[in-house]
N, C-alpha and C. Protein backbone atom coordinates (compact mmCIF):
# COMPACT_ATOMS: atom_id res chain seq x y z
N UNK A 1 -13.46 -49.46 -17.88
CA UNK A 1 -13.09 -48.35 -18.75
C UNK A 1 -14.28 -47.97 -19.61
N UNK A 2 -14.50 -46.71 -19.80
CA UNK A 2 -15.54 -46.21 -20.67
C UNK A 2 -15.08 -46.36 -22.11
N UNK A 3 -15.77 -47.18 -22.89
CA UNK A 3 -15.34 -47.45 -24.27
C UNK A 3 -15.58 -46.26 -25.19
N UNK A 4 -16.34 -45.27 -24.77
CA UNK A 4 -16.58 -44.08 -25.59
C UNK A 4 -15.49 -43.03 -25.39
N UNK A 5 -14.64 -43.24 -24.42
CA UNK A 5 -13.60 -42.27 -24.11
C UNK A 5 -12.45 -42.40 -25.10
N UNK A 6 -11.96 -41.26 -25.56
CA UNK A 6 -10.82 -41.24 -26.48
C UNK A 6 -9.52 -41.26 -25.69
N UNK A 7 -8.49 -41.93 -26.21
CA UNK A 7 -7.17 -41.84 -25.56
C UNK A 7 -6.73 -40.37 -25.55
N UNK A 8 -5.97 -40.02 -24.56
CA UNK A 8 -5.54 -38.65 -24.37
C UNK A 8 -4.02 -38.60 -24.31
N UNK A 9 -3.46 -37.57 -24.91
CA UNK A 9 -2.01 -37.36 -24.85
C UNK A 9 -1.72 -36.50 -23.63
N UNK A 10 -0.84 -36.99 -22.77
CA UNK A 10 -0.47 -36.27 -21.56
C UNK A 10 0.98 -35.83 -21.62
N UNK A 11 1.24 -34.70 -21.02
CA UNK A 11 2.59 -34.16 -20.87
C UNK A 11 2.76 -33.90 -19.37
N UNK A 12 3.65 -34.66 -18.74
CA UNK A 12 3.85 -34.59 -17.30
C UNK A 12 5.26 -34.08 -17.04
N UNK A 13 5.36 -33.00 -16.29
CA UNK A 13 6.67 -32.41 -15.98
C UNK A 13 7.03 -32.78 -14.54
N UNK A 14 8.21 -33.39 -14.38
CA UNK A 14 8.72 -33.79 -13.07
C UNK A 14 9.97 -32.99 -12.74
N UNK A 15 10.15 -32.67 -11.47
CA UNK A 15 11.34 -31.91 -11.05
C UNK A 15 12.58 -32.79 -11.15
N UNK A 16 13.62 -32.26 -11.79
CA UNK A 16 14.90 -32.95 -11.88
C UNK A 16 14.95 -33.94 -13.03
N UNK A 17 16.10 -34.56 -13.13
CA UNK A 17 16.36 -35.52 -14.21
C UNK A 17 16.22 -36.93 -13.66
N UNK A 18 15.53 -37.80 -14.42
CA UNK A 18 15.38 -39.19 -14.02
C UNK A 18 16.63 -39.98 -14.37
N UNK A 19 17.02 -40.89 -13.47
CA UNK A 19 18.09 -41.81 -13.83
C UNK A 19 17.47 -42.97 -14.61
N UNK A 20 18.27 -43.89 -15.10
CA UNK A 20 17.77 -44.99 -15.93
C UNK A 20 16.79 -45.89 -15.19
N UNK A 21 17.05 -46.13 -13.91
CA UNK A 21 16.16 -46.98 -13.13
C UNK A 21 14.80 -46.32 -12.94
N UNK A 22 14.79 -45.03 -12.66
CA UNK A 22 13.53 -44.31 -12.51
C UNK A 22 12.78 -44.25 -13.83
N UNK A 23 13.48 -43.98 -14.91
CA UNK A 23 12.84 -43.88 -16.23
C UNK A 23 12.18 -45.21 -16.62
N UNK A 24 12.74 -46.32 -16.18
CA UNK A 24 12.19 -47.64 -16.50
C UNK A 24 10.81 -47.84 -15.88
N UNK A 25 10.44 -47.04 -14.90
CA UNK A 25 9.12 -47.15 -14.28
C UNK A 25 8.02 -46.56 -15.16
N UNK A 26 8.38 -45.90 -16.25
CA UNK A 26 7.41 -45.23 -17.13
C UNK A 26 7.58 -45.68 -18.58
N UNK A 27 7.46 -46.99 -18.86
CA UNK A 27 7.74 -47.48 -20.21
C UNK A 27 6.74 -47.01 -21.26
N UNK A 28 5.54 -46.62 -20.85
CA UNK A 28 4.51 -46.21 -21.79
C UNK A 28 4.66 -44.76 -22.25
N UNK A 29 5.61 -44.04 -21.67
CA UNK A 29 5.80 -42.63 -22.00
C UNK A 29 7.21 -42.38 -22.49
N UNK A 30 7.36 -41.38 -23.35
CA UNK A 30 8.70 -40.98 -23.79
C UNK A 30 9.27 -40.01 -22.76
N UNK A 31 10.57 -39.95 -22.68
CA UNK A 31 11.24 -39.12 -21.69
C UNK A 31 12.09 -38.08 -22.40
N UNK A 32 12.08 -36.87 -21.88
CA UNK A 32 12.92 -35.81 -22.42
C UNK A 32 13.30 -34.88 -21.28
N UNK A 33 14.38 -34.15 -21.45
CA UNK A 33 14.79 -33.16 -20.46
C UNK A 33 14.47 -31.78 -21.02
N UNK A 34 13.84 -30.93 -20.21
CA UNK A 34 13.54 -29.58 -20.68
C UNK A 34 14.72 -28.64 -20.41
N UNK A 35 14.58 -27.40 -20.80
CA UNK A 35 15.67 -26.42 -20.67
C UNK A 35 16.04 -26.14 -19.21
N UNK A 36 15.12 -26.39 -18.30
CA UNK A 36 15.37 -26.14 -16.88
C UNK A 36 15.98 -27.34 -16.16
N UNK A 37 16.26 -28.42 -16.88
CA UNK A 37 16.82 -29.62 -16.26
C UNK A 37 15.79 -30.52 -15.63
N UNK A 38 14.52 -30.24 -15.90
CA UNK A 38 13.44 -31.10 -15.41
C UNK A 38 13.11 -32.15 -16.45
N UNK A 39 12.30 -33.13 -16.08
CA UNK A 39 11.95 -34.23 -16.96
C UNK A 39 10.54 -34.06 -17.51
N UNK A 40 10.38 -34.31 -18.80
CA UNK A 40 9.06 -34.34 -19.43
C UNK A 40 8.74 -35.79 -19.78
N UNK A 41 7.60 -36.27 -19.34
CA UNK A 41 7.08 -37.57 -19.74
C UNK A 41 5.91 -37.27 -20.66
N UNK A 42 5.93 -37.81 -21.87
CA UNK A 42 4.89 -37.51 -22.85
C UNK A 42 4.41 -38.79 -23.47
N UNK A 43 3.09 -38.90 -23.62
CA UNK A 43 2.55 -40.06 -24.30
C UNK A 43 1.04 -40.15 -24.19
N UNK A 44 0.50 -41.13 -24.89
CA UNK A 44 -0.93 -41.37 -24.92
C UNK A 44 -1.31 -42.38 -23.86
N UNK A 45 -2.31 -42.04 -23.06
CA UNK A 45 -2.83 -42.95 -22.05
C UNK A 45 -4.32 -43.18 -22.32
N UNK A 46 -4.81 -44.39 -22.08
CA UNK A 46 -6.19 -44.72 -22.47
C UNK A 46 -7.26 -44.07 -21.61
N UNK A 47 -6.95 -43.76 -20.34
CA UNK A 47 -7.99 -43.22 -19.46
C UNK A 47 -7.34 -42.62 -18.22
N UNK A 48 -8.18 -42.08 -17.33
CA UNK A 48 -7.66 -41.46 -16.13
C UNK A 48 -7.06 -42.47 -15.16
N UNK A 49 -7.53 -43.69 -15.20
CA UNK A 49 -6.95 -44.73 -14.34
C UNK A 49 -5.48 -44.94 -14.70
N UNK A 50 -5.18 -44.95 -16.00
CA UNK A 50 -3.78 -45.09 -16.44
C UNK A 50 -2.96 -43.87 -16.01
N UNK A 51 -3.55 -42.68 -16.12
CA UNK A 51 -2.86 -41.47 -15.65
C UNK A 51 -2.56 -41.57 -14.16
N UNK A 52 -3.54 -42.00 -13.38
CA UNK A 52 -3.33 -42.12 -11.94
C UNK A 52 -2.23 -43.14 -11.64
N UNK A 53 -2.14 -44.21 -12.43
CA UNK A 53 -1.06 -45.18 -12.26
C UNK A 53 0.30 -44.54 -12.45
N UNK A 54 0.43 -43.71 -13.47
CA UNK A 54 1.69 -43.00 -13.72
C UNK A 54 2.00 -42.05 -12.57
N UNK A 55 0.99 -41.30 -12.12
CA UNK A 55 1.21 -40.33 -11.05
C UNK A 55 1.56 -41.03 -9.73
N UNK A 56 0.92 -42.18 -9.46
CA UNK A 56 1.26 -42.94 -8.25
C UNK A 56 2.68 -43.47 -8.31
N UNK A 57 3.12 -43.91 -9.50
CA UNK A 57 4.50 -44.37 -9.63
C UNK A 57 5.48 -43.23 -9.36
N UNK A 58 5.17 -42.04 -9.91
CA UNK A 58 6.03 -40.87 -9.64
C UNK A 58 6.06 -40.58 -8.15
N UNK A 59 4.91 -40.66 -7.50
CA UNK A 59 4.83 -40.43 -6.06
C UNK A 59 5.66 -41.48 -5.30
N UNK A 60 5.54 -42.75 -5.68
CA UNK A 60 6.28 -43.82 -5.01
C UNK A 60 7.79 -43.67 -5.16
N UNK A 61 8.22 -43.03 -6.25
CA UNK A 61 9.64 -42.77 -6.46
C UNK A 61 10.10 -41.48 -5.78
N UNK A 62 9.16 -40.83 -5.06
CA UNK A 62 9.43 -39.57 -4.37
C UNK A 62 9.83 -38.46 -5.34
N UNK A 63 9.20 -38.46 -6.53
CA UNK A 63 9.44 -37.42 -7.52
C UNK A 63 8.41 -36.31 -7.34
N UNK A 64 8.82 -35.09 -7.61
CA UNK A 64 7.91 -33.95 -7.50
C UNK A 64 7.25 -33.72 -8.85
N UNK A 65 5.92 -33.76 -8.88
CA UNK A 65 5.14 -33.51 -10.09
C UNK A 65 4.91 -32.01 -10.18
N UNK A 66 5.45 -31.40 -11.23
CA UNK A 66 5.33 -29.95 -11.40
C UNK A 66 4.09 -29.56 -12.19
N UNK A 67 3.71 -30.41 -13.16
CA UNK A 67 2.62 -30.03 -14.05
C UNK A 67 2.11 -31.25 -14.80
N UNK A 68 0.80 -31.28 -15.05
CA UNK A 68 0.19 -32.30 -15.91
C UNK A 68 -0.69 -31.56 -16.91
N UNK A 69 -0.42 -31.76 -18.19
CA UNK A 69 -1.22 -31.14 -19.25
C UNK A 69 -1.77 -32.25 -20.13
N UNK A 70 -2.94 -31.99 -20.72
CA UNK A 70 -3.51 -32.98 -21.62
C UNK A 70 -3.98 -32.34 -22.91
N UNK A 71 -4.07 -33.18 -23.94
CA UNK A 71 -4.56 -32.75 -25.23
C UNK A 71 -5.20 -33.95 -25.90
N UNK A 72 -6.41 -33.76 -26.39
CA UNK A 72 -7.06 -34.83 -27.13
C UNK A 72 -6.50 -34.85 -28.54
N UNK A 73 -6.19 -36.04 -29.09
CA UNK A 73 -5.68 -36.12 -30.46
C UNK A 73 -6.66 -35.49 -31.45
N UNK A 74 -6.13 -34.83 -32.46
CA UNK A 74 -6.91 -34.22 -33.53
C UNK A 74 -7.81 -33.10 -33.04
N UNK A 75 -7.53 -32.55 -31.90
CA UNK A 75 -8.32 -31.43 -31.38
C UNK A 75 -7.45 -30.19 -31.43
N UNK A 76 -7.99 -29.12 -32.00
CA UNK A 76 -7.25 -27.87 -32.07
C UNK A 76 -7.26 -27.23 -30.69
N UNK A 77 -6.08 -26.93 -30.18
CA UNK A 77 -5.96 -26.31 -28.86
C UNK A 77 -5.13 -25.06 -29.01
N UNK A 78 -5.65 -23.93 -28.54
CA UNK A 78 -4.88 -22.69 -28.52
C UNK A 78 -3.76 -22.84 -27.51
N UNK A 79 -2.54 -22.52 -27.90
CA UNK A 79 -1.42 -22.60 -26.99
C UNK A 79 -0.88 -21.20 -26.74
N UNK A 80 -0.39 -21.02 -25.56
CA UNK A 80 0.33 -19.81 -25.23
C UNK A 80 1.58 -19.79 -26.11
N UNK A 81 1.93 -18.65 -26.68
CA UNK A 81 3.07 -18.60 -27.61
C UNK A 81 4.39 -18.97 -26.94
N UNK A 82 4.46 -18.89 -25.60
CA UNK A 82 5.69 -19.25 -24.89
C UNK A 82 5.74 -20.72 -24.52
N UNK A 83 4.63 -21.46 -24.74
CA UNK A 83 4.60 -22.87 -24.35
C UNK A 83 5.43 -23.70 -25.33
N UNK A 84 6.26 -24.54 -24.81
CA UNK A 84 7.11 -25.40 -25.63
C UNK A 84 6.29 -26.57 -26.16
N UNK A 85 6.39 -26.85 -27.44
CA UNK A 85 5.68 -27.97 -28.04
C UNK A 85 6.60 -29.18 -27.99
N UNK A 86 6.07 -30.28 -27.48
CA UNK A 86 6.86 -31.50 -27.36
C UNK A 86 6.33 -32.51 -28.35
């Protein structure tokens, strides 16, 4: 791991709602359901290797990954006014 790299907050949108067993595969992230009935996984990951671990788990569960967004902590990011803040 690159020690100069800052942890990053990720927002991962998955198609559909996770059941309890599926949600248990992502203990490092919080889970929420969006207005469309899809699942949002949100949380801080230390590096891209950790992100790939999460994405591989989603793949192994045969979940459809709709979107992955990132934001560095304490960094001002312009958001589209229609984007939901989690």
